[in-house]
């Protein structure tokens, strides 16, 4: 297994909602019931060729699977699946942005055509859009005993996909606060600590609406599993005030890490997996799940409509829920593992650095941290236009 310090930080896995436009508009079509966008259940599947055609095509994000230390073109867990099953996988690292990829495959999906892909990995806030549009297929759990047994209970039933019938988390993560403890000279424990006088002009927030709003609501004591419009507008009012008084240096995508490393920023909204990588070079950088709570999110696997190798895709998903396989992937990716049982596997590893990952609460949250994590209710298609307009105006998108 690759050690934490031996891999390149993957800064492209999480994307921001850049602006209103085509993809937001398609989401709104579904909310209005426009038949051109929504696909009825009976029109989603085609004859499955899996039994006779032992292959599948998997679209994923760059740097989001384990690779061999000596040969980055080799992917050990994926090769293990091919050897175990005889199914060949065309693995394509083509997803760089949720909205961009949505725009790439949406013409096929809304016109009841194959995308040429049997499996895709998308952030859950965007998965919600696919599910509501009827663009993904329900999975057969009879083919996925590992998923049924080992999927983290915290991730089993998001509001947009009750019971995870159409989506399965590939990797998960936490949106919390990162800060430089040595340069700041004190601890950060709450979201409201970002508004302290000694941090004026040294704070960044994430610019993406879907990435940002939940943690900020939690700072106001909101239950993000059932937040309301008033909660959203209260956060916007608050952030507008902080912008006007110069508290916030800027709004960022994944480039917040550069500001934190350089010292231009002392505290920022951040993703847990990124911070693990930064800590390998700078132990003064800390990640905190605020006392009020933090958002637990996922990038999830989905089988798009008219996929020709559905059973093969379901089998691959279940393979990655084998605790042994999940442990190998977690040791490389360093995000929150959606298979808690993988922790024991890592703990027994002979390599000390690998075994230490089992005790890292940003990969396997402990009981105390788990109580403070929640999966946010997503922004619905009817809410999105209004909310995105207001948020994008604040952040300058």
Protein backbone atom coordinates (compact mmCIF):
# COMPACT_ATOMS: atom_id res chain seq x y z
CA UNK A 1 0.00 0.00 0.00
CA UNK A 2 1.17 3.53 -0.80
CA UNK A 3 2.08 5.66 2.18
CA UNK A 4 0.43 9.01 2.75
CA UNK A 5 3.50 11.02 1.82
CA UNK A 6 4.20 9.16 -1.42
CA UNK A 7 1.32 10.36 -3.55
CA UNK A 8 0.42 13.60 -5.26
CA UNK A 9 -2.39 15.65 -3.75
CA UNK A 10 -5.51 15.32 -5.88
CA UNK A 11 -6.85 18.83 -6.08
CA UNK A 12 -9.35 18.27 -8.86
CA UNK A 13 -11.78 15.86 -7.23
CA UNK A 14 -14.15 18.44 -5.82
CA UNK A 15 -15.53 21.10 -8.12
CA UNK A 16 -17.33 24.39 -7.65
CA UNK A 17 -20.65 25.46 -9.06
CA UNK A 18 -19.34 28.19 -11.32
CA UNK A 19 -22.48 30.02 -12.39
CA UNK A 20 -26.06 29.66 -13.46
CA UNK A 21 -26.47 28.31 -16.93
CA UNK A 22 -27.20 25.21 -18.93
CA UNK A 23 -26.83 22.55 -16.27
CA UNK A 24 -28.76 24.47 -13.63
CA UNK A 25 -31.44 25.01 -16.22
CA UNK A 26 -31.77 21.29 -16.88
CA UNK A 27 -32.22 20.71 -13.17
CA UNK A 28 -35.03 23.27 -13.21
CA UNK A 29 -36.69 21.45 -16.11
CA UNK A 30 -37.00 18.35 -13.98
CA UNK A 31 -38.62 20.36 -11.21
CA UNK A 32 -41.19 21.68 -13.69
CA UNK A 33 -41.94 18.22 -14.98
CA UNK A 34 -40.76 18.90 -18.54
CA UNK A 35 -40.82 15.52 -20.32
CA UNK A 36 -37.82 16.37 -22.52
CA UNK A 37 -35.54 16.04 -19.50
CA UNK A 38 -37.15 13.43 -17.24
CA UNK A 39 -36.81 9.76 -18.21
CA UNK A 40 -39.50 7.34 -17.05
CA UNK A 41 -38.36 4.18 -15.21
CA UNK A 42 -39.34 1.93 -18.10
CA UNK A 43 -37.07 3.79 -20.51
CA UNK A 44 -33.83 3.61 -18.52
CA UNK A 45 -32.49 0.11 -19.18
CA UNK A 46 -31.40 -1.81 -22.26
CA UNK A 47 -30.59 -5.50 -22.64
CA UNK A 48 -27.65 -6.24 -20.35
CA UNK A 49 -24.73 -7.73 -22.26
CA UNK A 50 -22.63 -8.46 -19.16
CA UNK A 51 -22.78 -12.26 -19.29
CA UNK A 52 -21.52 -12.47 -22.87
CA UNK A 53 -19.37 -9.33 -22.93
CA UNK A 54 -16.98 -9.35 -19.98
CA UNK A 55 -16.09 -5.67 -19.84
CA UNK A 56 -17.23 -2.26 -18.64
CA UNK A 57 -16.29 1.40 -19.00
CA UNK A 58 -15.74 3.42 -15.81
CA UNK A 59 -15.44 7.22 -15.82
CA UNK A 60 -13.75 8.71 -12.74
CA UNK A 61 -11.84 11.76 -11.51
CA UNK A 62 -8.06 12.08 -11.94
CA UNK A 63 -5.89 10.75 -9.11
CA UNK A 64 -8.81 8.97 -7.45
CA UNK A 65 -7.64 5.37 -7.43
CA UNK A 66 -4.57 3.60 -6.10
CA UNK A 67 -1.56 3.31 -8.39
CA UNK A 68 1.65 1.32 -8.17
CA UNK A 69 4.52 3.27 -6.56
CA UNK A 70 6.91 2.19 -9.31
CA UNK A 71 4.48 2.39 -12.24
CA UNK A 72 1.68 4.99 -12.07
CA UNK A 73 -0.01 3.37 -15.07
CA UNK A 74 -0.81 0.31 -12.96
CA UNK A 75 -3.83 0.31 -10.64
CA UNK A 76 -3.50 -2.61 -8.21
CA UNK A 77 -7.07 -2.80 -6.93
CA UNK A 78 -8.50 -2.53 -10.43
CA UNK A 79 -6.12 -5.17 -11.72
CA UNK A 80 -7.23 -7.35 -8.81
CA UNK A 81 -10.86 -7.04 -9.92
CA UNK A 82 -10.00 -7.96 -13.49
CA UNK A 83 -8.03 -11.01 -12.34
CA UNK A 84 -10.74 -12.12 -9.91
CA UNK A 85 -13.67 -11.75 -12.31
CA UNK A 86 -12.29 -11.91 -15.83
CA UNK A 87 -14.00 -8.58 -16.54
CA UNK A 88 -11.81 -6.01 -18.30
CA UNK A 89 -12.25 -2.38 -17.26
CA UNK A 90 -11.75 0.62 -19.51
CA UNK A 91 -10.87 3.16 -16.79
CA UNK A 92 -11.16 6.75 -18.04
CA UNK A 93 -10.05 9.75 -15.94
CA UNK A 94 -12.31 12.25 -17.66
CA UNK A 95 -14.27 13.93 -14.86
CA UNK A 96 -12.69 17.23 -13.84
CA UNK A 97 -15.81 19.17 -12.84
CA UNK A 98 -19.31 18.04 -11.92
CA UNK A 99 -21.08 20.61 -14.10
CA UNK A 100 -18.75 20.17 -17.03
CA UNK A 101 -19.28 16.39 -17.08
CA UNK A 102 -23.03 16.85 -16.65
CA UNK A 103 -23.03 19.00 -19.76
CA UNK A 104 -20.94 16.42 -21.60
CA UNK A 105 -23.29 13.47 -21.14
CA UNK A 106 -26.67 15.18 -20.64
CA UNK A 107 -27.57 15.32 -24.37
CA UNK A 108 -27.37 11.53 -24.56
CA UNK A 109 -29.28 10.94 -21.35
CA UNK A 110 -32.14 13.34 -22.05
CA UNK A 111 -32.50 11.87 -25.55
CA UNK A 112 -32.65 8.29 -24.26
CA UNK A 113 -29.25 7.34 -25.70
CA UNK A 114 -26.25 5.50 -24.25
CA UNK A 115 -23.46 7.62 -22.80
CA UNK A 116 -20.87 4.95 -23.64
CA UNK A 117 -20.14 4.59 -19.94
CA UNK A 118 -21.31 1.87 -17.56
CA UNK A 119 -20.21 3.55 -14.33
CA UNK A 120 -19.55 7.14 -13.29
CA UNK A 121 -18.43 8.88 -10.08
CA UNK A 122 -20.10 12.20 -9.26
CA UNK A 123 -20.40 14.34 -6.12
CA UNK A 124 -23.61 13.64 -4.24
CA UNK A 125 -25.06 17.13 -4.68
CA UNK A 126 -24.89 16.51 -8.43
CA UNK A 127 -26.01 12.88 -8.06
CA UNK A 128 -29.26 14.32 -6.72
CA UNK A 129 -29.85 16.00 -10.07
CA UNK A 130 -29.29 12.78 -12.02
CA UNK A 131 -31.61 10.85 -9.70
CA UNK A 132 -34.41 13.43 -9.98
CA UNK A 133 -34.08 13.50 -13.76
CA UNK A 134 -34.37 9.72 -13.89
CA UNK A 135 -30.99 9.42 -15.61
CA UNK A 136 -29.55 6.57 -13.54
CA UNK A 137 -30.63 3.02 -12.91
CA UNK A 138 -31.59 1.35 -9.66
CA UNK A 139 -29.01 -1.23 -8.59
CA UNK A 140 -29.65 -4.87 -7.78
CA UNK A 141 -28.49 -5.33 -4.18
CA UNK A 142 -28.67 -9.10 -4.62
CA UNK A 143 -25.48 -8.67 -6.64
CA UNK A 144 -23.95 -6.43 -3.97
CA UNK A 145 -23.76 -8.26 -0.63
CA UNK A 146 -20.69 -6.27 0.46
CA UNK A 147 -22.48 -2.96 -0.07
CA UNK A 148 -25.47 -4.21 1.90
CA UNK A 149 -23.24 -5.37 4.76
CA UNK A 150 -20.44 -2.82 4.98
CA UNK A 151 -21.72 0.60 3.81
CA UNK A 152 -21.29 3.16 6.61
CA UNK A 153 -24.65 3.74 8.36
CA UNK A 154 -24.07 7.51 8.21
CA UNK A 155 -24.16 7.33 4.41
CA UNK A 156 -26.97 4.85 3.84
CA UNK A 157 -29.95 7.08 3.17
CA UNK A 158 -29.40 10.65 1.91
CA UNK A 159 -32.50 12.75 1.26
CA UNK A 160 -32.14 12.55 -2.52
CA UNK A 161 -31.75 8.75 -2.67
CA UNK A 162 -33.42 7.02 0.25
CA UNK A 163 -31.81 3.65 0.85
CA UNK A 164 -29.10 4.34 -1.73
CA UNK A 165 -31.04 2.54 -4.45
CA UNK A 166 -29.33 4.42 -7.31
CA UNK A 167 -26.04 5.59 -5.77
CA UNK A 168 -23.22 4.04 -3.74
CA UNK A 169 -20.49 6.19 -2.10
CA UNK A 170 -17.07 5.68 -3.68
CA UNK A 171 -15.22 7.90 -1.21
CA UNK A 172 -16.46 10.32 1.40
CA UNK A 173 -15.08 13.39 3.12
CA UNK A 174 -15.68 16.16 5.60
CA UNK A 175 -16.03 19.87 4.95
CA UNK A 176 -14.62 21.59 8.02
CA UNK A 177 -12.01 24.19 8.94
CA UNK A 178 -8.25 24.06 8.36
CA UNK A 179 -5.87 26.44 10.11
CA UNK A 180 -2.21 27.02 10.88
CA UNK A 181 -1.96 26.51 14.62
CA UNK A 182 1.57 27.82 15.00
CA UNK A 183 1.01 31.06 13.10
CA UNK A 184 -2.41 31.70 14.61
CA UNK A 185 -1.24 30.87 18.10
CA UNK A 186 -4.52 29.43 19.30
CA UNK A 187 -7.10 26.76 18.55
CA UNK A 188 -10.19 27.03 16.40
CA UNK A 189 -13.18 25.14 17.70
CA UNK A 190 -16.24 26.79 16.17
CA UNK A 191 -17.32 28.25 12.85
CA UNK A 192 -17.81 31.61 14.56
CA UNK A 193 -14.08 31.62 15.38
CA UNK A 194 -13.51 32.52 11.73
CA UNK A 195 -14.97 35.95 12.41
CA UNK A 196 -12.46 36.84 15.17
CA UNK A 197 -10.55 40.13 14.88
CA UNK A 198 -7.14 38.48 14.65
CA UNK A 199 -8.24 36.70 11.47
CA UNK A 200 -9.40 39.78 9.58
CA UNK A 201 -8.40 39.42 5.94
CA UNK A 202 -6.84 36.00 6.58
CA UNK A 203 -9.90 33.78 6.02
CA UNK A 204 -11.12 32.06 2.85
CA UNK A 205 -14.40 30.27 2.15
CA UNK A 206 -15.23 27.87 -0.66
CA UNK A 207 -16.88 29.58 -3.61
CA UNK A 208 -19.13 26.70 -4.65
CA UNK A 209 -22.65 27.00 -3.28
CA UNK A 210 -23.08 23.26 -2.74
CA UNK A 211 -19.68 22.96 -1.08
CA UNK A 212 -20.09 25.91 1.27
CA UNK A 213 -23.55 26.41 2.65
CA UNK A 214 -23.95 23.41 4.97
CA UNK A 215 -20.98 24.09 7.27
CA UNK A 216 -21.92 27.76 7.55
CA UNK A 217 -25.46 26.79 8.52
CA UNK A 218 -24.13 24.40 11.14
CA UNK A 219 -22.22 27.32 12.63
CA UNK A 220 -25.62 28.89 13.24
CA UNK A 221 -26.93 25.76 14.96
CA UNK A 222 -29.01 24.55 12.01
CA UNK A 223 -29.84 20.87 11.49
CA UNK A 224 -28.59 20.57 7.91
CA UNK A 225 -30.58 17.40 7.26
CA UNK A 226 -33.72 19.59 7.15
CA UNK A 227 -32.67 23.18 6.65
CA UNK A 228 -35.12 25.78 5.33
CA UNK A 229 -35.03 28.86 3.11
CA UNK A 230 -34.72 31.17 6.11
CA UNK A 231 -31.58 29.30 7.20
CA UNK A 232 -29.99 29.83 3.80
CA UNK A 233 -30.75 33.54 3.65
CA UNK A 234 -29.49 34.01 7.22
CA UNK A 235 -26.12 32.57 6.14
CA UNK A 236 -26.04 34.84 3.10
CA UNK A 237 -26.76 37.90 5.24
CA UNK A 238 -23.96 36.86 7.58
CA UNK A 239 -21.40 36.31 4.83
CA UNK A 240 -22.30 39.61 3.17
CA UNK A 241 -21.51 41.37 6.45
CA UNK A 242 -18.16 39.60 6.76
CA UNK A 243 -17.26 40.50 3.17
CA UNK A 244 -18.09 44.16 3.73
CA UNK A 245 -15.96 44.40 6.86
CA UNK A 246 -12.96 42.76 5.16
CA UNK A 247 -12.93 39.55 7.20
CA UNK A 248 -12.87 37.25 4.16
CA UNK A 249 -9.78 37.45 1.97
CA UNK A 250 -11.41 35.70 -0.97
CA UNK A 251 -13.60 32.81 -2.08
CA UNK A 252 -11.74 29.84 -3.55
CA UNK A 253 -11.93 26.54 -5.34
CA UNK A 254 -9.44 23.89 -4.34
CA UNK A 255 -6.66 26.47 -4.53
CA UNK A 256 -7.31 27.37 -0.89
CA UNK A 257 -4.47 24.99 -0.09
CA UNK A 258 -1.93 27.33 -1.69
CA UNK A 259 -3.01 30.23 0.51
CA UNK A 260 -2.86 28.09 3.63
CA UNK A 261 0.59 26.73 2.84
CA UNK A 262 2.00 30.18 1.97
CA UNK A 263 0.65 31.71 5.18
CA UNK A 264 -1.43 34.32 3.36
CA UNK A 265 -4.43 32.66 4.98
CA UNK A 266 -4.53 31.43 8.57
CA UNK A 267 -7.92 29.69 8.54
CA UNK A 268 -10.22 28.45 5.80
CA UNK A 269 -13.07 26.22 4.85
CA UNK A 270 -11.42 22.97 3.74
CA UNK A 271 -11.79 19.32 2.81
CA UNK A 272 -10.44 16.66 5.15
CA UNK A 273 -8.58 14.67 2.50
CA UNK A 274 -6.65 17.70 1.27
CA UNK A 275 -5.55 18.56 4.79
CA UNK A 276 -4.18 15.06 5.39
CA UNK A 277 -1.86 15.61 2.46
CA UNK A 278 -0.81 19.09 3.65
CA UNK A 279 -0.03 17.75 7.12
CA UNK A 280 2.52 15.36 5.64
CA UNK A 281 4.70 18.40 4.89
CA UNK A 282 3.49 20.80 7.58
CA UNK A 283 2.27 19.36 10.90
CA UNK A 284 1.25 22.86 12.05
CA UNK A 285 -1.75 22.69 9.74
CA UNK A 286 -4.74 21.29 11.57
CA UNK A 287 -8.25 20.26 10.56
CA UNK A 288 -11.18 20.72 12.90
CA UNK A 289 -14.72 19.41 12.91
CA UNK A 290 -16.42 22.32 14.69
CA UNK A 291 -18.28 21.70 17.91
CA UNK A 292 -21.51 22.61 16.10
CA UNK A 293 -20.83 19.91 13.51
CA UNK A 294 -19.52 19.51 9.98
CA UNK A 295 -20.82 18.26 6.67
CA UNK A 296 -20.17 14.67 5.61
CA UNK A 297 -20.29 14.35 1.83
CA UNK A 298 -19.63 11.67 -0.75
CA UNK A 299 -18.59 11.17 -4.34
CA UNK A 300 -20.81 8.32 -5.46
CA UNK A 301 -20.89 5.59 -8.07
CA UNK A 302 -23.87 5.53 -10.44
CA UNK A 303 -24.90 3.42 -13.42
CA UNK A 304 -26.28 5.75 -16.12
CA UNK A 305 -29.28 4.90 -18.23
CA UNK A 306 -28.80 2.48 -21.11
CA UNK A 307 -25.50 1.18 -19.77
CA UNK A 308 -24.79 -2.05 -21.64
CA UNK A 309 -22.89 -3.77 -18.80
CA UNK A 310 -25.00 -3.09 -15.72
CA UNK A 311 -24.33 -6.39 -13.92
CA UNK A 312 -20.59 -6.01 -14.47
CA UNK A 313 -20.72 -2.49 -13.03
CA UNK A 314 -22.68 -3.70 -9.99
CA UNK A 315 -20.06 -6.38 -9.44
CA UNK A 316 -17.22 -3.86 -9.55
CA UNK A 317 -19.00 -1.60 -7.04
CA UNK A 318 -19.40 -4.53 -4.66
CA UNK A 319 -15.74 -5.46 -5.11
CA UNK A 320 -14.69 -2.06 -3.74
CA UNK A 321 -16.82 -2.74 -0.66
CA UNK A 322 -14.74 -5.78 0.25
CA UNK A 323 -12.97 -4.45 3.38
CA UNK A 324 -9.57 -5.67 2.12
CA UNK A 325 -9.99 -3.75 -1.15
CA UNK A 326 -11.49 -0.71 0.59
CA UNK A 327 -8.47 -0.61 2.91
CA UNK A 328 -6.02 -0.56 0.01
CA UNK A 329 -7.93 2.26 -1.67
CA UNK A 330 -8.24 4.25 1.56
CA UNK A 331 -4.50 4.01 2.18
CA UNK A 332 -3.87 5.75 -1.11
CA UNK A 333 -6.75 8.22 -1.39
CA UNK A 334 -6.88 9.31 2.28
CA UNK A 335 -10.49 10.50 2.26
CA UNK A 336 -13.15 9.19 4.65
CA UNK A 337 -13.55 5.49 3.90
CA UNK A 338 -17.22 4.50 3.41
CA UNK A 339 -16.35 1.00 4.65
CA UNK A 340 -15.64 1.27 8.41
CA UNK A 341 -14.62 -2.41 8.50
CA UNK A 342 -11.53 -1.50 6.47
CA UNK A 343 -10.08 0.14 9.58
CA UNK A 344 -9.17 -3.20 11.16
CA UNK A 345 -7.43 -4.28 7.97
CA UNK A 346 -5.22 -1.19 7.97
CA UNK A 347 -4.51 -1.50 11.68
CA UNK A 348 -2.97 -4.93 11.07
CA UNK A 349 -0.70 -3.71 8.25
CA UNK A 350 3.01 -4.48 8.69
CA UNK A 351 4.04 -1.08 7.36
CA UNK A 352 3.91 1.41 10.28
CA UNK A 353 2.82 4.38 8.20
CA UNK A 354 -0.01 2.39 6.68
CA UNK A 355 -1.10 1.01 10.05
CA UNK A 356 -1.15 4.55 11.47
CA UNK A 357 -3.86 5.50 9.00
CA UNK A 358 -6.30 3.33 10.94
CA UNK A 359 -6.07 5.78 13.84
CA UNK A 360 -6.56 8.85 11.63
CA UNK A 361 -10.03 10.20 12.43
CA UNK A 362 -10.16 12.01 9.08
CA UNK A 363 -10.19 8.60 7.38
CA UNK A 364 -12.08 6.65 10.04
CA UNK A 365 -13.99 9.14 12.25
CA UNK A 366 -14.23 8.05 15.87
CA UNK A 367 -17.48 7.87 17.80
CA UNK A 368 -17.21 11.42 19.12
CA UNK A 369 -16.59 12.89 15.68
CA UNK A 370 -19.32 10.82 14.05
CA UNK A 371 -21.89 12.39 16.37
CA UNK A 372 -20.99 15.80 14.89
CA UNK A 373 -21.17 14.76 11.23
CA UNK A 374 -24.30 15.07 9.11
CA UNK A 375 -25.26 14.66 5.47
CA UNK A 376 -26.93 17.85 4.29
CA UNK A 377 -30.26 17.99 2.56
CA UNK A 378 -29.40 18.94 -0.99
CA UNK A 379 -30.63 22.01 -2.83
CA UNK A 380 -33.65 21.03 -4.90
CA UNK A 381 -34.16 22.01 -8.53
CA UNK A 382 -36.88 24.50 -7.60
CA UNK A 383 -34.60 26.20 -5.05
CA UNK A 384 -31.43 26.27 -7.11
CA UNK A 385 -31.98 29.25 -9.39
CA UNK A 386 -32.85 31.65 -6.57
CA UNK A 387 -30.16 30.42 -4.22
CA UNK A 388 -27.40 30.27 -6.84
CA UNK A 389 -28.17 33.82 -7.97
CA UNK A 390 -27.81 35.18 -4.47
CA UNK A 391 -24.72 33.14 -3.56
CA UNK A 392 -22.89 33.80 -6.81
CA UNK A 393 -23.44 37.54 -6.39
CA UNK A 394 -21.82 37.41 -2.95
CA UNK A 395 -18.77 35.44 -4.07
CA UNK A 396 -18.37 37.22 -7.40
CA UNK A 397 -19.11 34.36 -9.79
